[in-house]
């Protein structure tokens, strides 16, 4: 799978206000999200490192109790096993990448 058209992936609302398209490479999990203002991701942790890249809008991301606002040009890197949560300060788009693969995230089939 050297090329993938992400617009061909089904959209699922994994959490309220988080509409995502998911896929895996051999070693990583990718989520392309559209989010709505006020949507949140509860505090949690997992063994994968996770990177948030905001494409449009603003997210307040809290990592181990420290909060920052991520917007285009600002990337948040969540270390493996770090407690983190997210709150959308506006509508927007983000790409979230996990390493290694998060096998519990099952990508939906294509349209």
N, C-alpha and C. Protein backbone atom coordinates (compact mmCIF):
# COMPACT_ATOMS: atom_id res chain seq x y z
N UNK A 1 0.84 -1.18 0.00
CA UNK A 1 0.00 0.00 0.00
C UNK A 1 0.89 1.25 0.00
N UNK A 2 1.60 1.52 -1.07
CA UNK A 2 2.46 2.71 -1.06
C UNK A 2 1.69 4.02 -1.18
N UNK A 3 0.45 3.99 -1.72
CA UNK A 3 -0.36 5.20 -1.85
C UNK A 3 -1.77 4.91 -1.38
N UNK A 4 -2.39 5.89 -0.74
CA UNK A 4 -3.75 5.73 -0.22
C UNK A 4 -4.46 7.07 -0.34
N UNK A 5 -5.63 7.07 -0.91
CA UNK A 5 -6.46 8.27 -0.99
C UNK A 5 -7.31 8.32 0.27
N UNK A 6 -6.95 9.20 1.21
CA UNK A 6 -7.67 9.24 2.49
C UNK A 6 -9.14 9.64 2.32
N UNK A 7 -9.47 10.34 1.24
CA UNK A 7 -10.89 10.69 1.04
C UNK A 7 -11.74 9.48 0.68
N UNK A 8 -11.09 8.35 0.36
CA UNK A 8 -11.85 7.14 0.06
C UNK A 8 -12.19 6.34 1.32
N UNK A 9 -11.65 6.75 2.47
CA UNK A 9 -11.91 6.03 3.72
C UNK A 9 -13.22 6.49 4.34
N UNK A 10 -13.94 5.56 4.94
CA UNK A 10 -15.17 5.91 5.64
C UNK A 10 -14.86 6.78 6.85
N UNK A 11 -15.77 7.66 7.17
CA UNK A 11 -15.65 8.53 8.34
C UNK A 11 -16.43 7.91 9.48
N UNK A 12 -15.79 7.84 10.65
CA UNK A 12 -16.52 7.40 11.84
C UNK A 12 -16.35 8.45 12.93
N UNK A 13 -17.36 8.57 13.76
CA UNK A 13 -17.31 9.47 14.90
C UNK A 13 -16.89 8.63 16.10
N UNK A 14 -15.59 8.59 16.35
CA UNK A 14 -15.03 7.74 17.41
C UNK A 14 -15.41 8.26 18.79
N UNK A 15 -15.44 9.57 18.94
CA UNK A 15 -15.92 10.27 20.13
C UNK A 15 -16.79 11.42 19.65
N UNK A 16 -17.73 11.89 20.48
CA UNK A 16 -18.59 12.99 20.02
C UNK A 16 -17.77 14.20 19.54
N UNK A 17 -18.05 14.62 18.31
CA UNK A 17 -17.39 15.78 17.74
C UNK A 17 -16.07 15.49 17.05
N UNK A 18 -15.63 14.23 17.04
CA UNK A 18 -14.37 13.82 16.40
C UNK A 18 -14.71 12.87 15.26
N UNK A 19 -14.67 13.38 14.03
CA UNK A 19 -15.01 12.61 12.84
C UNK A 19 -13.71 12.24 12.13
N UNK A 20 -13.38 10.96 12.14
CA UNK A 20 -12.07 10.55 11.67
C UNK A 20 -12.06 9.53 10.55
N UNK A 21 -10.97 9.57 9.81
CA UNK A 21 -10.63 8.57 8.79
C UNK A 21 -9.33 7.93 9.27
N UNK A 22 -9.29 6.61 9.33
CA UNK A 22 -8.18 5.89 9.95
C UNK A 22 -7.51 4.93 8.98
N UNK A 23 -6.19 4.80 9.14
CA UNK A 23 -5.47 3.76 8.42
C UNK A 23 -4.18 3.46 9.15
N UNK A 24 -3.62 2.29 8.84
CA UNK A 24 -2.35 1.86 9.42
C UNK A 24 -1.31 1.74 8.31
N UNK A 25 -0.07 2.08 8.64
CA UNK A 25 1.07 1.67 7.82
C UNK A 25 1.63 0.44 8.53
N UNK A 26 2.78 -0.03 8.11
CA UNK A 26 3.36 -1.21 8.75
C UNK A 26 3.65 -0.95 10.23
N UNK A 27 3.96 0.30 10.61
CA UNK A 27 4.39 0.58 11.98
C UNK A 27 3.64 1.68 12.71
N UNK A 28 2.73 2.37 12.01
CA UNK A 28 2.06 3.52 12.61
C UNK A 28 0.56 3.48 12.34
N UNK A 29 -0.19 4.19 13.19
CA UNK A 29 -1.62 4.40 13.00
C UNK A 29 -1.85 5.88 12.74
N UNK A 30 -2.67 6.18 11.74
CA UNK A 30 -2.96 7.56 11.35
C UNK A 30 -4.46 7.82 11.50
N UNK A 31 -4.78 9.00 12.01
CA UNK A 31 -6.17 9.45 12.10
C UNK A 31 -6.23 10.86 11.54
N UNK A 32 -7.08 11.05 10.54
CA UNK A 32 -7.33 12.39 9.98
C UNK A 32 -8.68 12.82 10.52
N UNK A 33 -8.68 13.83 11.39
CA UNK A 33 -9.90 14.25 12.08
C UNK A 33 -10.40 15.60 11.61
N UNK A 34 -11.72 15.72 11.56
CA UNK A 34 -12.42 16.98 11.59
C UNK A 34 -13.02 17.04 12.99
N UNK A 35 -12.80 18.14 13.71
CA UNK A 35 -13.34 18.25 15.06
C UNK A 35 -14.20 19.50 15.18
N UNK A 36 -15.11 19.48 16.15
CA UNK A 36 -15.98 20.64 16.36
C UNK A 36 -15.65 21.28 17.71
N UNK A 37 -15.86 22.59 17.76
CA UNK A 37 -15.60 23.35 18.98
C UNK A 37 -16.29 22.69 20.17
N UNK A 38 -15.57 22.54 21.26
CA UNK A 38 -16.13 21.95 22.48
C UNK A 38 -15.95 20.45 22.58
N UNK A 39 -15.60 19.79 21.48
CA UNK A 39 -15.38 18.34 21.53
C UNK A 39 -14.14 18.06 22.39
N UNK A 40 -14.15 16.93 23.06
CA UNK A 40 -13.00 16.63 23.91
C UNK A 40 -12.63 15.16 23.82
N UNK A 41 -11.40 14.89 24.21
CA UNK A 41 -10.91 13.52 24.37
C UNK A 41 -10.51 13.42 25.84
N UNK A 42 -11.15 12.53 26.55
CA UNK A 42 -10.93 12.38 27.99
C UNK A 42 -9.46 12.04 28.30
N UNK A 43 -9.06 12.30 29.53
CA UNK A 43 -7.69 11.96 29.92
C UNK A 43 -7.50 10.45 29.84
N UNK A 44 -6.41 10.05 29.23
CA UNK A 44 -6.11 8.63 29.05
C UNK A 44 -4.61 8.48 28.79
N UNK A 45 -4.18 7.26 28.66
CA UNK A 45 -2.79 6.98 28.29
C UNK A 45 -2.76 5.66 27.54
N UNK A 46 -1.69 5.43 26.81
CA UNK A 46 -1.50 4.18 26.07
C UNK A 46 -0.01 4.02 25.81
N UNK A 47 0.42 2.82 25.46
CA UNK A 47 1.86 2.56 25.30
C UNK A 47 2.48 3.18 24.05
N UNK A 48 1.67 3.70 23.16
CA UNK A 48 2.20 4.30 21.93
C UNK A 48 2.54 5.78 22.14
N UNK A 49 3.61 6.24 21.49
CA UNK A 49 3.87 7.67 21.36
C UNK A 49 2.81 8.22 20.41
N UNK A 50 2.38 9.46 20.61
CA UNK A 50 1.32 10.03 19.78
C UNK A 50 1.68 11.46 19.43
N UNK A 51 1.49 11.83 18.16
CA UNK A 51 1.80 13.17 17.69
C UNK A 51 0.53 13.80 17.13
N UNK A 52 0.22 15.02 17.59
CA UNK A 52 -0.92 15.79 17.11
C UNK A 52 -0.41 16.91 16.23
N UNK A 53 -0.88 16.96 15.00
CA UNK A 53 -0.57 18.09 14.13
C UNK A 53 -1.89 18.75 13.72
N UNK A 54 -2.09 19.97 14.17
CA UNK A 54 -3.30 20.72 13.87
C UNK A 54 -3.13 21.35 12.49
N UNK A 55 -4.10 21.11 11.62
CA UNK A 55 -4.09 21.66 10.26
C UNK A 55 -4.90 22.94 10.20
N UNK A 56 -6.03 22.95 10.91
CA UNK A 56 -6.90 24.13 11.00
C UNK A 56 -7.46 24.18 12.41
N UNK A 57 -7.67 25.38 12.94
CA UNK A 57 -8.29 25.53 14.25
C UNK A 57 -7.30 25.45 15.40
N UNK A 58 -7.86 25.23 16.61
CA UNK A 58 -7.04 25.19 17.81
C UNK A 58 -7.50 24.07 18.74
N UNK A 59 -6.54 23.38 19.31
CA UNK A 59 -6.78 22.34 20.31
C UNK A 59 -6.00 22.69 21.57
N UNK A 60 -6.65 22.58 22.71
CA UNK A 60 -5.92 22.66 23.98
C UNK A 60 -5.54 21.22 24.33
N UNK A 61 -4.26 20.96 24.40
CA UNK A 61 -3.76 19.61 24.66
C UNK A 61 -3.04 19.64 26.00
N UNK A 62 -3.43 18.73 26.88
CA UNK A 62 -2.81 18.62 28.19
C UNK A 62 -2.03 17.31 28.24
N UNK A 63 -0.73 17.42 28.53
CA UNK A 63 0.16 16.26 28.61
C UNK A 63 0.77 16.25 30.00
N UNK A 64 0.50 15.20 30.76
CA UNK A 64 1.00 15.09 32.14
C UNK A 64 0.78 16.38 32.93
N UNK A 65 -0.43 16.93 32.82
CA UNK A 65 -0.82 18.10 33.60
C UNK A 65 -0.41 19.45 33.05
N UNK A 66 0.31 19.48 31.95
CA UNK A 66 0.74 20.74 31.33
C UNK A 66 -0.09 20.99 30.08
N UNK A 67 -0.78 22.14 30.03
CA UNK A 67 -1.64 22.47 28.90
C UNK A 67 -0.99 23.50 27.99
N UNK A 68 -1.17 23.30 26.69
CA UNK A 68 -0.73 24.25 25.67
C UNK A 68 -1.80 24.27 24.58
N UNK A 69 -1.84 25.36 23.84
CA UNK A 69 -2.74 25.46 22.70
C UNK A 69 -1.95 25.10 21.44
N UNK A 70 -2.45 24.10 20.73
CA UNK A 70 -1.85 23.70 19.45
C UNK A 70 -2.70 24.28 18.33
N UNK A 71 -2.02 24.86 17.36
CA UNK A 71 -2.66 25.45 16.19
C UNK A 71 -1.75 25.16 15.01
N UNK A 72 -2.13 25.52 13.79
CA UNK A 72 -1.25 25.23 12.67
C UNK A 72 0.18 25.72 12.94
N UNK A 73 1.13 24.83 12.72
CA UNK A 73 2.53 25.15 12.97
C UNK A 73 3.03 24.67 14.32
N UNK A 74 2.12 24.30 15.22
CA UNK A 74 2.49 23.80 16.55
C UNK A 74 2.13 22.31 16.61
N UNK A 75 3.10 21.49 16.93
CA UNK A 75 2.89 20.04 17.02
C UNK A 75 3.01 19.64 18.49
N UNK A 76 2.11 18.77 18.95
CA UNK A 76 2.17 18.23 20.31
C UNK A 76 2.65 16.78 20.23
N UNK A 77 3.68 16.47 21.00
CA UNK A 77 4.23 15.11 21.02
C UNK A 77 3.96 14.52 22.39
N UNK A 78 3.15 13.48 22.42
CA UNK A 78 2.77 12.82 23.66
C UNK A 78 3.65 11.58 23.83
N UNK A 79 4.50 11.55 24.86
CA UNK A 79 5.33 10.36 25.06
C UNK A 79 4.49 9.13 25.39
N UNK A 80 5.03 7.97 25.14
CA UNK A 80 4.36 6.72 25.49
C UNK A 80 4.01 6.75 26.98
N UNK A 81 2.81 6.28 27.30
CA UNK A 81 2.30 6.15 28.67
C UNK A 81 2.05 7.47 29.40
N UNK A 82 2.16 8.60 28.72
CA UNK A 82 1.86 9.89 29.36
C UNK A 82 0.35 10.12 29.38
N UNK A 83 -0.15 10.60 30.50
CA UNK A 83 -1.57 10.94 30.60
C UNK A 83 -1.80 12.20 29.77
N UNK A 84 -2.86 12.18 28.95
CA UNK A 84 -3.14 13.33 28.10
C UNK A 84 -4.63 13.44 27.81
N UNK A 85 -5.05 14.67 27.51
CA UNK A 85 -6.43 14.95 27.13
C UNK A 85 -6.43 16.10 26.13
N UNK A 86 -7.56 16.26 25.45
CA UNK A 86 -7.64 17.27 24.39
C UNK A 86 -9.01 17.94 24.45
N UNK A 87 -9.03 19.24 24.20
CA UNK A 87 -10.28 20.00 24.10
C UNK A 87 -10.19 20.91 22.89
N UNK A 88 -11.22 20.84 22.03
CA UNK A 88 -11.25 21.68 20.83
C UNK A 88 -11.73 23.07 21.20
N UNK A 89 -10.88 24.07 20.92
CA UNK A 89 -11.23 25.46 21.18
C UNK A 89 -11.97 26.09 20.01
N UNK A 90 -11.95 25.39 18.87
CA UNK A 90 -12.64 25.86 17.66
C UNK A 90 -12.95 24.63 16.81
N UNK A 91 -13.67 24.84 15.74
CA UNK A 91 -13.78 23.79 14.72
C UNK A 91 -12.42 23.69 14.04
N UNK A 92 -12.10 22.52 13.49
CA UNK A 92 -10.83 22.41 12.79
C UNK A 92 -10.53 21.02 12.28
N UNK A 93 -9.26 20.84 11.92
CA UNK A 93 -8.77 19.57 11.37
C UNK A 93 -7.42 19.26 12.00
N UNK A 94 -7.18 17.97 12.24
CA UNK A 94 -5.90 17.56 12.79
C UNK A 94 -5.55 16.17 12.27
N UNK A 95 -4.27 15.89 12.23
CA UNK A 95 -3.76 14.56 11.93
C UNK A 95 -3.07 14.06 13.19
N UNK A 96 -3.44 12.87 13.61
CA UNK A 96 -2.85 12.26 14.80
C UNK A 96 -2.17 10.96 14.37
N UNK A 97 -0.91 10.81 14.77
CA UNK A 97 -0.12 9.64 14.39
C UNK A 97 0.36 8.94 15.65
N UNK A 98 0.19 7.62 15.69
CA UNK A 98 0.65 6.81 16.81
C UNK A 98 1.74 5.85 16.34
N UNK A 99 2.76 5.69 17.20
CA UNK A 99 3.83 4.72 16.93
C UNK A 99 4.13 3.97 18.23
N UNK A 100 4.16 2.64 18.19
CA UNK A 100 3.82 1.79 17.06
C UNK A 100 2.31 1.72 16.85
N UNK A 101 1.92 0.88 15.92
CA UNK A 101 0.51 0.73 15.54
C UNK A 101 -0.37 0.52 16.76
N UNK A 102 -1.54 1.16 16.75
CA UNK A 102 -2.57 0.92 17.78
C UNK A 102 -3.55 -0.09 17.21
N UNK A 103 -3.30 -1.34 17.49
CA UNK A 103 -4.11 -2.41 16.91
C UNK A 103 -5.57 -2.35 17.31
N UNK A 104 -5.88 -1.70 18.46
CA UNK A 104 -7.28 -1.62 18.88
C UNK A 104 -8.09 -0.66 18.02
N UNK A 105 -7.40 0.17 17.23
CA UNK A 105 -8.11 1.05 16.29
C UNK A 105 -8.23 0.30 14.98
N UNK A 106 -9.44 -0.11 14.68
CA UNK A 106 -9.71 -0.86 13.47
C UNK A 106 -10.18 0.12 12.41
N UNK A 107 -9.38 0.33 11.36
CA UNK A 107 -9.83 1.27 10.31
C UNK A 107 -11.09 0.74 9.62
N UNK A 108 -12.08 1.63 9.41
CA UNK A 108 -13.26 1.21 8.65
C UNK A 108 -12.87 0.95 7.20
N UNK A 109 -13.69 0.21 6.52
CA UNK A 109 -13.43 -0.06 5.11
C UNK A 109 -13.62 1.19 4.28
N UNK A 110 -13.13 1.15 3.05
CA UNK A 110 -13.29 2.30 2.16
C UNK A 110 -14.73 2.39 1.69
N UNK A 111 -15.05 3.57 1.17
CA UNK A 111 -16.42 3.84 0.67
C UNK A 111 -16.75 2.91 -0.47
